[in-house]
Amino acid sequence: MLKQLTLSAVLISGLVACHTFPHADSSKQIQVAKSLQGKQCEQQALNISELKQQLEVQHIHIYTESVGHDGMMRPQVCGAPDGKIAIFNIDQKQLAQAQALGFVIYSAQ
């Protein structure tokens, strides 16, 4: 009985330890965004990998990346901006570096 109790305690402690120390502390991450500079009716726009490279050259660690929309309404007119943006999760300590590259803090609306 004592062996089973000890084994259970060790297993539970291991599970708690795994949960306590996540790989990336999401509370210290921040989302930044930058326009892909696309225009309606046109195929030419920046690729998310181009903006990712801007961050990586400055040694800014990227946790996740995605393409989203800036949330602004626009008239459907060829040549008008399409509103697509690249969104990156980065370390909050590197925010100033990203902002120097033209990235802005992204807040989902």
PDB file of N, CA and C in Angstrom:
ATOM      1  N   MET A   1       0.829  -1.200   0.000  1.00  0.00           N
ATOM      2  CA  MET A   1       0.000   0.000   0.000  1.00  0.00           C
ATOM      3  C   MET A   1       0.871   1.261   0.000  1.00  0.00           C
ATOM      4  N   LEU A   2       1.920   1.235   0.799  1.00  0.00           N
ATOM      5  CA  LEU A   2       2.807   2.391   0.860  1.00  0.00           C
ATOM      6  C   LEU A   2       3.541   2.596  -0.469  1.00  0.00           C
ATOM      7  N   LYS A   3       3.925   1.492  -1.133  1.00  0.00           N
ATOM      8  CA  LYS A   3       4.591   1.586  -2.429  1.00  0.00           C
ATOM      9  C   LYS A   3       3.661   2.215  -3.461  1.00  0.00           C
ATOM     10  N   GLN A   4       2.395   1.807  -3.459  1.00  0.00           N
ATOM     11  CA  GLN A   4       1.441   2.358  -4.422  1.00  0.00           C
ATOM     12  C   GLN A   4       1.207   3.845  -4.169  1.00  0.00           C
ATOM     13  N   LEU A   5       1.133   4.221  -2.912  1.00  0.00           N
ATOM     14  CA  LEU A   5       0.921   5.614  -2.556  1.00  0.00           C
ATOM     15  C   LEU A   5       2.130   6.457  -2.986  1.00  0.00           C
ATOM     16  N   THR A   6       3.329   5.942  -2.750  1.00  0.00           N
ATOM     17  CA  THR A   6       4.549   6.649  -3.131  1.00  0.00           C
ATOM     18  C   THR A   6       4.641   6.779  -4.652  1.00  0.00           C
ATOM     19  N   LEU A   7       4.356   5.688  -5.357  1.00  0.00           N
ATOM     20  CA  LEU A   7       4.391   5.707  -6.820  1.00  0.00           C
ATOM     21  C   LEU A   7       3.379   6.710  -7.376  1.00  0.00           C
ATOM     22  N   SER A   8       2.198   6.733  -6.813  1.00  0.00           N
ATOM     23  CA  SER A   8       1.167   7.680  -7.254  1.00  0.00           C
ATOM     24  C   SER A   8       1.626   9.119  -7.021  1.00  0.00           C
ATOM     25  N   ALA A   9       2.242   9.362  -5.876  1.00  0.00           N
ATOM     26  CA  ALA A   9       2.715  10.715  -5.563  1.00  0.00           C
ATOM     27  C   ALA A   9       3.795  11.155  -6.543  1.00  0.00           C
ATOM     28  N   VAL A  10       4.698  10.244  -6.897  1.00  0.00           N
ATOM     29  CA  VAL A  10       5.770  10.565  -7.839  1.00  0.00           C
ATOM     30  C   VAL A  10       5.187  10.854  -9.218  1.00  0.00           C
ATOM     31  N   LEU A  11       4.244  10.042  -9.668  1.00  0.00           N
ATOM     32  CA  LEU A  11       3.631  10.258 -10.975  1.00  0.00           C
ATOM     33  C   LEU A  11       2.876  11.587 -11.038  1.00  0.00           C
ATOM     34  N   ILE A  12       2.138  11.884 -10.008  1.00  0.00           N
ATOM     35  CA  ILE A  12       1.375  13.140  -9.975  1.00  0.00           C
ATOM     36  C   ILE A  12       2.332  14.327  -9.939  1.00  0.00           C
ATOM     37  N   SER A  13       3.411  14.208  -9.178  1.00  0.00           N
ATOM     38  CA  SER A  13       4.407  15.290  -9.121  1.00  0.00           C
ATOM     39  C   SER A  13       5.013  15.529 -10.499  1.00  0.00           C
ATOM     40  N   GLY A  14       5.283  14.453 -11.220  1.00  0.00           N
ATOM     41  CA  GLY A  14       5.834  14.584 -12.567  1.00  0.00           C
ATOM     42  C   GLY A  14       4.882  15.284 -13.504  1.00  0.00           C
ATOM     43  N   LEU A  15       3.604  14.937 -13.423  1.00  0.00           N
ATOM     44  CA  LEU A  15       2.613  15.583 -14.277  1.00  0.00           C
ATOM     45  C   LEU A  15       2.463  17.060 -13.938  1.00  0.00           C
ATOM     46  N   VAL A  16       2.470  17.377 -12.652  1.00  0.00           N
ATOM     47  CA  VAL A  16       2.354  18.768 -12.219  1.00  0.00           C
ATOM     48  C   VAL A  16       3.573  19.553 -12.691  1.00  0.00           C
ATOM     49  N   ALA A  17       4.750  18.971 -12.601  1.00  0.00           N
ATOM     50  CA  ALA A  17       5.968  19.650 -13.042  1.00  0.00           C
ATOM     51  C   ALA A  17       5.916  19.944 -14.530  1.00  0.00           C
ATOM     52  N   CYS A  18       5.427  19.016 -15.325  1.00  0.00           N
ATOM     53  CA  CYS A  18       5.318  19.240 -16.769  1.00  0.00           C
ATOM     54  C   CYS A  18       4.356  20.373 -17.073  1.00  0.00           C
ATOM     55  N   HIS A  19       3.291  20.449 -16.316  1.00  0.00           N
ATOM     56  CA  HIS A  19       2.297  21.495 -16.541  1.00  0.00           C
ATOM     57  C   HIS A  19       2.801  22.849 -16.041  1.00  0.00           C
ATOM     58  N   THR A  20       3.613  22.854 -15.017  1.00  0.00           N
ATOM     59  CA  THR A  20       4.081  24.090 -14.412  1.00  0.00           C
ATOM     60  C   THR A  20       5.116  24.800 -15.270  1.00  0.00           C
ATOM     61  N   PHE A  21       5.900  24.065 -16.019  1.00  0.00           N
ATOM     62  CA  PHE A  21       6.968  24.659 -16.804  1.00  0.00           C
ATOM     63  C   PHE A  21       6.707  24.496 -18.294  1.00  0.00           C
ATOM     64  N   PRO A  22       5.850  25.326 -18.872  1.00  0.00           N
ATOM     65  CA  PRO A  22       5.570  25.203 -20.300  1.00  0.00           C
ATOM     66  C   PRO A  22       6.795  25.604 -21.120  1.00  0.00           C
ATOM     67  N   HIS A  23       6.816  25.180 -22.392  1.00  0.00           N
ATOM     68  CA  HIS A  23       7.952  25.471 -23.261  1.00  0.00           C
ATOM     69  C   HIS A  23       8.059  26.960 -23.568  1.00  0.00           C
ATOM     70  N   ALA A  24       6.971  27.608 -23.793  1.00  0.00           N
ATOM     71  CA  ALA A  24       6.983  29.036 -24.098  1.00  0.00           C
ATOM     72  C   ALA A  24       5.953  29.721 -23.225  1.00  0.00           C
ATOM     73  N   ASP A  25       6.384  30.659 -22.420  1.00  0.00           N
ATOM     74  CA  ASP A  25       5.489  31.365 -21.515  1.00  0.00           C
ATOM     75  C   ASP A  25       4.669  32.373 -22.313  1.00  0.00           C
ATOM     76  N   SER A  26       3.416  32.010 -22.588  1.00  0.00           N
ATOM     77  CA  SER A  26       2.566  32.845 -23.436  1.00  0.00           C
ATOM     78  C   SER A  26       2.262  34.202 -22.806  1.00  0.00           C
ATOM     79  N   SER A  27       2.422  34.330 -21.480  1.00  0.00           N
ATOM     80  CA  SER A  27       2.145  35.616 -20.850  1.00  0.00           C
ATOM     81  C   SER A  27       3.233  36.636 -21.184  1.00  0.00           C
ATOM     82  N   LYS A  28       4.379  36.178 -21.668  1.00  0.00           N
ATOM     83  CA  LYS A  28       5.464  37.077 -22.028  1.00  0.00           C
ATOM     84  C   LYS A  28       5.572  37.256 -23.532  1.00  0.00           C
ATOM     85  N   GLN A  29       4.539  36.843 -24.241  1.00  0.00           N
ATOM     86  CA  GLN A  29       4.512  37.001 -25.693  1.00  0.00           C
ATOM     87  C   GLN A  29       3.551  38.123 -26.053  1.00  0.00           C
ATOM     88  N   ILE A  30       3.807  38.714 -27.189  1.00  0.00           N
ATOM     89  CA  ILE A  30       2.937  39.778 -27.677  1.00  0.00           C
ATOM     90  C   ILE A  30       2.758  39.584 -29.177  1.00  0.00           C
ATOM     91  N   GLN A  31       1.604  39.982 -29.672  1.00  0.00           N
ATOM     92  CA  GLN A  31       1.346  39.865 -31.102  1.00  0.00           C
ATOM     93  C   GLN A  31       1.670  41.194 -31.779  1.00  0.00           C
ATOM     94  N   VAL A  32       2.436  41.095 -32.867  1.00  0.00           N
ATOM     95  CA  VAL A  32       2.727  42.273 -33.681  1.00  0.00           C
ATOM     96  C   VAL A  32       2.260  41.995 -35.110  1.00  0.00           C
ATOM     97  N   ALA A  33       1.984  43.045 -35.845  1.00  0.00           N
ATOM     98  CA  ALA A  33       1.465  42.882 -37.206  1.00  0.00           C
ATOM     99  C   ALA A  33       2.056  43.934 -38.131  1.00  0.00           C
ATOM    100  N   LYS A  34       2.025  43.584 -39.408  1.00  0.00           N
ATOM    101  CA  LYS A  34       2.470  44.521 -40.439  1.00  0.00           C
ATOM    102  C   LYS A  34       1.706  44.203 -41.718  1.00  0.00           C
ATOM    103  N   SER A  35       1.368  45.234 -42.464  1.00  0.00           N
ATOM    104  CA  SER A  35       0.598  45.070 -43.693  1.00  0.00           C
ATOM    105  C   SER A  35       1.370  44.262 -44.722  1.00  0.00           C
ATOM    106  N   LEU A  36       0.645  43.436 -45.451  1.00  0.00           N
ATOM    107  CA  LEU A  36       1.232  42.711 -46.576  1.00  0.00           C
ATOM    108  C   LEU A  36       1.215  43.565 -47.841  1.00  0.00           C
ATOM    109  N   GLN A  37       0.663  44.762 -47.731  1.00  0.00           N
ATOM    110  CA  GLN A  37       0.639  45.771 -48.792  1.00  0.00           C
ATOM    111  C   GLN A  37      -0.053  45.293 -50.068  1.00  0.00           C
ATOM    112  N   GLY A  38      -1.035  44.428 -49.896  1.00  0.00           N
ATOM    113  CA  GLY A  38      -1.792  43.950 -51.050  1.00  0.00           C
ATOM    114  C   GLY A  38      -2.866  44.939 -51.466  1.00  0.00           C
ATOM    115  N   LYS A  39      -3.220  44.863 -52.729  1.00  0.00           N
ATOM    116  CA  LYS A  39      -4.289  45.707 -53.253  1.00  0.00           C
ATOM    117  C   LYS A  39      -5.336  44.820 -53.925  1.00  0.00           C
ATOM    118  N   GLN A  40      -6.576  45.250 -53.839  1.00  0.00           N
ATOM    119  CA  GLN A  40      -7.668  44.507 -54.448  1.00  0.00           C
ATOM    120  C   GLN A  40      -7.455  44.399 -55.958  1.00  0.00           C
ATOM    121  N   CYS A  41      -7.804  43.238 -56.518  1.00  0.00           N
ATOM    122  CA  CYS A  41      -7.704  42.939 -57.955  1.00  0.00           C
ATOM    123  C   CYS A  41      -6.265  42.779 -58.431  1.00  0.00           C
ATOM    124  N   GLU A  42      -5.296  42.755 -57.539  1.00  0.00           N
ATOM    125  CA  GLU A  42      -3.894  42.607 -57.925  1.00  0.00           C
ATOM    126  C   GLU A  42      -3.284  41.415 -57.210  1.00  0.00           C
ATOM    127  N   GLN A  43      -2.342  40.783 -57.839  1.00  0.00           N
ATOM    128  CA  GLN A  43      -1.674  39.620 -57.253  1.00  0.00           C
ATOM    129  C   GLN A  43      -0.405  40.019 -56.502  1.00  0.00           C
ATOM    130  N   GLN A  44       0.118  41.195 -56.751  1.00  0.00           N
ATOM    131  CA  GLN A  44       1.369  41.601 -56.133  1.00  0.00           C
ATOM    132  C   GLN A  44       1.134  42.060 -54.706  1.00  0.00           C
ATOM    133  N   ALA A  45       1.795  41.387 -53.779  1.00  0.00           N
ATOM    134  CA  ALA A  45       1.755  41.746 -52.367  1.00  0.00           C
ATOM    135  C   ALA A  45       2.967  41.096 -51.713  1.00  0.00           C
ATOM    136  N   LEU A  46       3.297  41.553 -50.536  1.00  0.00           N
ATOM    137  CA  LEU A  46       4.372  40.907 -49.800  1.00  0.00           C
ATOM    138  C   LEU A  46       3.920  39.525 -49.362  1.00  0.00           C
ATOM    139  N   ASN A  47       4.858  38.646 -49.190  1.00  0.00           N
ATOM    140  CA  ASN A  47       4.586  37.308 -48.678  1.00  0.00           C
ATOM    141  C   ASN A  47       4.920  37.314 -47.193  1.00  0.00           C
ATOM    142  N   ILE A  48       4.207  36.526 -46.403  1.00  0.00           N
ATOM    143  CA  ILE A  48       4.460  36.483 -44.964  1.00  0.00           C
ATOM    144  C   ILE A  48       5.903  36.090 -44.665  1.00  0.00           C
ATOM    145  N   SER A  49       6.504  35.274 -45.518  1.00  0.00           N
ATOM    146  CA  SER A  49       7.887  34.852 -45.288  1.00  0.00           C
ATOM    147  C   SER A  49       8.864  36.032 -45.412  1.00  0.00           C
ATOM    148  N   GLU A  50       8.522  37.024 -46.235  1.00  0.00           N
ATOM    149  CA  GLU A  50       9.371  38.209 -46.367  1.00  0.00           C
ATOM    150  C   GLU A  50       9.372  39.020 -45.067  1.00  0.00           C
ATOM    151  N   LEU A  51       8.201  39.162 -44.465  1.00  0.00           N
ATOM    152  CA  LEU A  51       8.120  39.893 -43.203  1.00  0.00           C
ATOM    153  C   LEU A  51       8.736  39.097 -42.066  1.00  0.00           C
ATOM    154  N   LYS A  52       8.577  37.782 -42.114  1.00  0.00           N
ATOM    155  CA  LYS A  52       9.197  36.919 -41.108  1.00  0.00           C
ATOM    156  C   LYS A  52      10.714  37.070 -41.160  1.00  0.00           C
ATOM    157  N   GLN A  53      11.254  37.147 -42.351  1.00  0.00           N
ATOM    158  CA  GLN A  53      12.695  37.287 -42.521  1.00  0.00           C
ATOM    159  C   GLN A  53      13.194  38.606 -41.922  1.00  0.00           C
ATOM    160  N   GLN A  54      12.391  39.664 -42.022  1.00  0.00           N
ATOM    161  CA  GLN A  54      12.774  40.945 -41.424  1.00  0.00           C
ATOM    162  C   GLN A  54      12.991  40.791 -39.923  1.00  0.00           C
ATOM    163  N   LEU A  55      12.111  40.025 -39.278  1.00  0.00           N
ATOM    164  CA  LEU A  55      12.240  39.797 -37.843  1.00  0.00           C
ATOM    165  C   LEU A  55      13.427  38.894 -37.527  1.00  0.00           C
ATOM    166  N   GLU A  56      13.574  37.838 -38.300  1.00  0.00           N
ATOM    167  CA  GLU A  56      14.641  36.872 -38.037  1.00  0.00           C
ATOM    168  C   GLU A  56      16.030  37.486 -38.223  1.00  0.00           C
ATOM    169  N   VAL A  57      16.183  38.397 -39.177  1.00  0.00           N
ATOM    170  CA  VAL A  57      17.470  39.065 -39.384  1.00  0.00           C
ATOM    171  C   VAL A  57      17.875  39.838 -38.126  1.00  0.00           C
ATOM    172  N   GLN A  58      16.894  40.347 -37.408  1.00  0.00           N
ATOM    173  CA  GLN A  58      17.158  41.079 -36.169  1.00  0.00           C
ATOM    174  C   GLN A  58      17.188  40.150 -34.939  1.00  0.00           C
ATOM    175  N   HIS A  59      17.182  38.848 -35.187  1.00  0.00           N
ATOM    176  CA  HIS A  59      17.231  37.816 -34.128  1.00  0.00           C
ATOM    177  C   HIS A  59      16.024  37.892 -33.194  1.00  0.00           C
ATOM    178  N   ILE A  60      14.871  38.219 -33.757  1.00  0.00           N
ATOM    179  CA  ILE A  60      13.617  38.238 -32.994  1.00  0.00           C
ATOM    180  C   ILE A  60      12.985  36.864 -33.144  1.00  0.00           C
ATOM    181  N   HIS A  61      12.768  36.192 -32.008  1.00  0.00           N
ATOM    182  CA  HIS A  61      12.203  34.841 -32.024  1.00  0.00           C
ATOM    183  C   HIS A  61      10.710  34.907 -32.315  1.00  0.00           C
ATOM    184  N   ILE A  62      10.272  34.109 -33.269  1.00  0.00           N
ATOM    185  CA  ILE A  62       8.853  34.061 -33.657  1.00  0.00           C
ATOM    186  C   ILE A  62       8.260  32.759 -33.139  1.00  0.00           C
ATOM    187  N   TYR A  63       7.219  32.858 -32.314  1.00  0.00           N
ATOM    188  CA  TYR A  63       6.555  31.668 -31.779  1.00  0.00           C
ATOM    189  C   TYR A  63       5.516  31.135 -32.761  1.00  0.00           C
ATOM    190  N   THR A  64       4.687  32.028 -33.291  1.00  0.00           N
ATOM    191  CA  THR A  64       3.672  31.634 -34.273  1.00  0.00           C
ATOM    192  C   THR A  64       3.537  32.738 -35.309  1.00  0.00           C
ATOM    193  N   GLU A  65       2.975  32.373 -36.445  1.00  0.00           N
ATOM    194  CA  GLU A  65       2.723  33.339 -37.508  1.00  0.00           C
ATOM    195  C   GLU A  65       1.402  33.013 -38.185  1.00  0.00           C
ATOM    196  N   SER A  66       0.741  34.042 -38.676  1.00  0.00           N
ATOM    197  CA  SER A  66      -0.507  33.829 -39.394  1.00  0.00           C
ATOM    198  C   SER A  66      -0.800  35.060 -40.247  1.00  0.00           C
ATOM    199  N   VAL A  67      -1.723  34.884 -41.170  1.00  0.00           N
ATOM    200  CA  VAL A  67      -2.199  36.001 -41.985  1.00  0.00           C
ATOM    201  C   VAL A  67      -3.604  36.327 -41.510  1.00  0.00           C
ATOM    202  N   GLY A  68      -3.861  37.593 -41.303  1.00  0.00           N
ATOM    203  CA  GLY A  68      -5.174  38.018 -40.842  1.00  0.00           C
ATOM    204  C   GLY A  68      -5.622  39.251 -41.600  1.00  0.00           C
ATOM    205  N   HIS A  69      -6.570  39.950 -41.024  1.00  0.00           N
ATOM    206  CA  HIS A  69      -7.132  41.154 -41.626  1.00  0.00           C
ATOM    207  C   HIS A  69      -7.083  42.263 -40.592  1.00  0.00           C
ATOM    208  N   ASP A  70      -6.860  43.470 -41.041  1.00  0.00           N
ATOM    209  CA  ASP A  70      -6.733  44.586 -40.100  1.00  0.00           C
ATOM    210  C   ASP A  70      -8.066  45.030 -39.495  1.00  0.00           C
ATOM    211  N   GLY A  71      -9.168  44.488 -39.969  1.00  0.00           N
ATOM    212  CA  GLY A  71     -10.478  44.773 -39.384  1.00  0.00           C
ATOM    213  C   GLY A  71     -11.152  46.029 -39.911  1.00  0.00           C
ATOM    214  N   MET A  72     -10.508  46.748 -40.786  1.00  0.00           N
ATOM    215  CA  MET A  72     -11.107  47.971 -41.328  1.00  0.00           C
ATOM    216  C   MET A  72     -11.987  47.628 -42.523  1.00  0.00           C
ATOM    217  N   MET A  73     -13.099  48.321 -42.633  1.00  0.00           N
ATOM    218  CA  MET A  73     -13.972  48.135 -43.790  1.00  0.00           C
ATOM    219  C   MET A  73     -13.448  48.988 -44.931  1.00  0.00           C
ATOM    220  N   ARG A  74     -13.528  48.428 -46.128  1.00  0.00           N
ATOM    221  CA  ARG A  74     -13.039  49.134 -47.306  1.00  0.00           C
ATOM    222  C   ARG A  74     -14.040  48.988 -48.444  1.00  0.00           C
ATOM    223  N   PRO A  75     -14.097  49.992 -49.309  1.00  0.00           N
ATOM    224  CA  PRO A  75     -14.950  49.827 -50.491  1.00  0.00           C
ATOM    225  C   PRO A  75     -14.311  48.802 -51.428  1.00  0.00           C
ATOM    226  N   GLN A  76     -15.132  48.070 -52.144  1.00  0.00           N
ATOM    227  CA  GLN A  76     -14.620  47.087 -53.097  1.00  0.00           C
ATOM    228  C   GLN A  76     -14.278  47.804 -54.389  1.00  0.00           C
ATOM    229  N   VAL A  77     -13.009  48.216 -54.474  1.00  0.00           N
ATOM    230  CA  VAL A  77     -12.526  48.978 -55.623  1.00  0.00           C
ATOM    231  C   VAL A  77     -11.149  48.454 -55.980  1.00  0.00           C
ATOM    232  N   CYS A  78     -10.954  48.119 -57.231  1.00  0.00           N
ATOM    233  CA  CYS A  78      -9.635  47.661 -57.662  1.00  0.00           C
ATOM    234  C   CYS A  78      -8.586  48.726 -57.354  1.00  0.00           C
ATOM    235  N   GLY A  79      -7.481  48.293 -56.786  1.00  0.00           N
ATOM    236  CA  GLY A  79      -6.395  49.196 -56.440  1.00  0.00           C
ATOM    237  C   GLY A  79      -6.430  49.678 -55.005  1.00  0.00           C
ATOM    238  N   ALA A  80      -7.554  49.483 -54.315  1.00  0.00           N
ATOM    239  CA  ALA A  80      -7.637  49.868 -52.903  1.00  0.00           C
ATOM    240  C   ALA A  80      -6.943  48.794 -52.058  1.00  0.00           C
ATOM    241  N   PRO A  81      -6.412  49.150 -50.895  1.00  0.00           N
ATOM    242  CA  PRO A  81      -5.763  48.157 -50.034  1.00  0.00           C
ATOM    243  C   PRO A  81      -6.725  47.022 -49.679  1.00  0.00           C
ATOM    244  N   ASP A  82      -6.181  45.791 -49.576  1.00  0.00           N
ATOM    245  CA  ASP A  82      -7.044  44.657 -49.238  1.00  0.00           C
ATOM    246  C   ASP A  82      -7.105  44.383 -47.736  1.00  0.00           C
ATOM    247  N   GLY A  83      -6.246  45.015 -46.953  1.00  0.00           N
ATOM    248  CA  GLY A  83      -6.302  44.892 -45.495  1.00  0.00           C
ATOM    249  C   GLY A  83      -5.649  43.650 -44.919  1.00  0.00           C
ATOM    250  N   LYS A  84      -4.996  42.832 -45.724  1.00  0.00           N
ATOM    251  CA  LYS A  84      -4.349  41.626 -45.202  1.00  0.00           C
ATOM    252  C   LYS A  84      -3.062  41.999 -44.477  1.00  0.00           C
ATOM    253  N   ILE A  85      -2.882  41.367 -43.316  1.00  0.00           N
ATOM    254  CA  ILE A  85      -1.701  41.632 -42.498  1.00  0.00           C
ATOM    255  C   ILE A  85      -1.054  40.326 -42.065  1.00  0.00           C
ATOM    256  N   ALA A  86       0.231  40.398 -41.779  1.00  0.00           N
ATOM    257  CA  ALA A  86       0.965  39.277 -41.198  1.00  0.00           C
ATOM    258  C   ALA A  86       0.990  39.505 -39.691  1.00  0.00           C
ATOM    259  N   ILE A  87       0.678  38.455 -38.937  1.00  0.00           N
ATOM    260  CA  ILE A  87       0.626  38.543 -37.481  1.00  0.00           C
ATOM    261  C   ILE A  87       1.645  37.565 -36.913  1.00  0.00           C
ATOM    262  N   PHE A  88       2.470  38.052 -35.993  1.00  0.00           N
ATOM    263  CA  PHE A  88       3.502  37.222 -35.383  1.00  0.00           C
ATOM    264  C   PHE A  88       3.436  37.314 -33.867  1.00  0.00           C
ATOM    265  N   ASN A  89       3.591  36.186 -33.196  1.00  0.00           N
ATOM    266  CA  ASN A  89       3.768  36.164 -31.745  1.00  0.00           C
ATOM    267  C   ASN A  89       5.266  36.211 -31.483  1.00  0.00           C
ATOM    268  N   ILE A  90       5.703  37.221 -30.742  1.00  0.00           N
ATOM    269  CA  ILE A  90       7.115  37.354 -30.418  1.00  0.00           C
ATOM    270  C   ILE A  90       7.276  37.554 -28.918  1.00  0.00           C
ATOM    271  N   ASP A  91       8.504  37.519 -28.454  1.00  0.00           N
ATOM    272  CA  ASP A  91       8.803  37.772 -27.046  1.00  0.00           C
ATOM    273  C   ASP A  91       8.558  39.252 -26.765  1.00  0.00           C
ATOM    274  N   GLN A  92       7.872  39.535 -25.683  1.00  0.00           N
ATOM    275  CA  GLN A  92       7.522  40.912 -25.347  1.00  0.00           C
ATOM    276  C   GLN A  92       8.775  41.783 -25.177  1.00  0.00           C
ATOM    277  N   LYS A  93       9.884  41.187 -24.758  1.00  0.00           N
ATOM    278  CA  LYS A  93      11.123  41.943 -24.569  1.00  0.00           C
ATOM    279  C   LYS A  93      11.683  42.462 -25.892  1.00  0.00           C
ATOM    280  N   GLN A  94      11.246  41.888 -27.003  1.00  0.00           N
ATOM    281  CA  GLN A  94      11.758  42.282 -28.311  1.00  0.00           C
ATOM    282  C   GLN A  94      10.792  43.203 -29.068  1.00  0.00           C
ATOM    283  N   LEU A  95       9.794  43.708 -28.373  1.00  0.00           N
ATOM    284  CA  LEU A  95       8.787  44.567 -29.003  1.00  0.00           C
ATOM    285  C   LEU A  95       9.406  45.812 -29.627  1.00  0.00           C
ATOM    286  N   ALA A  96      10.299  46.483 -28.913  1.00  0.00           N
ATOM    287  CA  ALA A  96      10.899  47.719 -29.433  1.00  0.00           C
ATOM    288  C   ALA A  96      11.657  47.460 -30.736  1.00  0.00           C
ATOM    289  N   GLN A  97      12.333  46.320 -30.826  1.00  0.00           N
ATOM    290  CA  GLN A  97      13.054  45.965 -32.055  1.00  0.00           C
ATOM    291  C   GLN A  97      12.075  45.805 -33.215  1.00  0.00           C
ATOM    292  N   ALA A  98      10.952  45.123 -32.953  1.00  0.00           N
ATOM    293  CA  ALA A  98       9.951  44.907 -34.004  1.00  0.00           C
ATOM    294  C   ALA A  98       9.312  46.231 -34.420  1.00  0.00           C
ATOM    295  N   GLN A  99       9.052  47.090 -33.459  1.00  0.00           N
ATOM    296  CA  GLN A  99       8.449  48.383 -33.782  1.00  0.00           C
ATOM    297  C   GLN A  99       9.399  49.237 -34.620  1.00  0.00           C
ATOM    298  N   ALA A 100      10.695  49.102 -34.387  1.00  0.00           N
ATOM    299  CA  ALA A 100      11.673  49.840 -35.185  1.00  0.00           C
ATOM    300  C   ALA A 100      11.641  49.392 -36.648  1.00  0.00           C
ATOM    301  N   LEU A 101      11.158  48.171 -36.890  1.00  0.00           N
ATOM    302  CA  LEU A 101      11.032  47.645 -38.251  1.00  0.00           C
ATOM    303  C   LEU A 101       9.680  47.977 -38.886  1.00  0.00           C
ATOM    304  N   GLY A 102       8.824  48.684 -38.147  1.00  0.00           N
ATOM    305  CA  GLY A 102       7.524  49.068 -38.683  1.00  0.00           C
ATOM    306  C   GLY A 102       6.365  48.184 -38.251  1.00  0.00           C
ATOM    307  N   PHE A 103       6.610  47.226 -37.371  1.00  0.00           N
ATOM    308  CA  PHE A 103       5.535  46.373 -36.866  1.00  0.00           C
ATOM    309  C   PHE A 103       4.790  47.126 -35.769  1.00  0.00           C
ATOM    310  N   VAL A 104       3.505  46.846 -35.631  1.00  0.00           N
ATOM    311  CA  VAL A 104       2.681  47.470 -34.598  1.00  0.00           C
ATOM    312  C   VAL A 104       2.070  46.376 -33.728  1.00  0.00           C
ATOM    313  N   ILE A 105       1.698  46.759 -32.522  1.00  0.00           N
ATOM    314  CA  ILE A 105       1.031  45.808 -31.628  1.00  0.00           C
ATOM    315  C   ILE A 105      -0.318  45.447 -32.229  1.00  0.00           C
ATOM    316  N   TYR A 106      -0.621  44.155 -32.277  1.00  0.00           N
ATOM    317  CA  TYR A 106      -1.882  43.694 -32.848  1.00  0.00           C
ATOM    318  C   TYR A 106      -2.802  43.283 -31.714  1.00  0.00           C
ATOM    319  N   SER A 107      -3.993  43.804 -31.745  1.00  0.00           N
ATOM    320  CA  SER A 107      -5.004  43.367 -30.782  1.00  0.00           C
ATOM    321  C   SER A 107      -6.212  42.889 -31.571  1.00  0.00           C
ATOM    322  N   ALA A 108      -6.568  41.625 -31.379  1.00  0.00           N
ATOM    323  CA  ALA A 108      -7.714  41.052 -32.092  1.00  0.00           C
ATOM    324  C   ALA A 108      -8.972  41.810 -31.703  1.00  0.00           C
ATOM    325  N   GLN A 109      -9.793  42.093 -32.702  1.00  0.00           N
ATOM    326  CA  GLN A 109     -10.997  42.894 -32.430  1.00  0.00           C
ATOM    327  C   GLN A 109     -12.215  42.033 -32.370  1.00  0.00           C
TER     328      GLN A 109
END
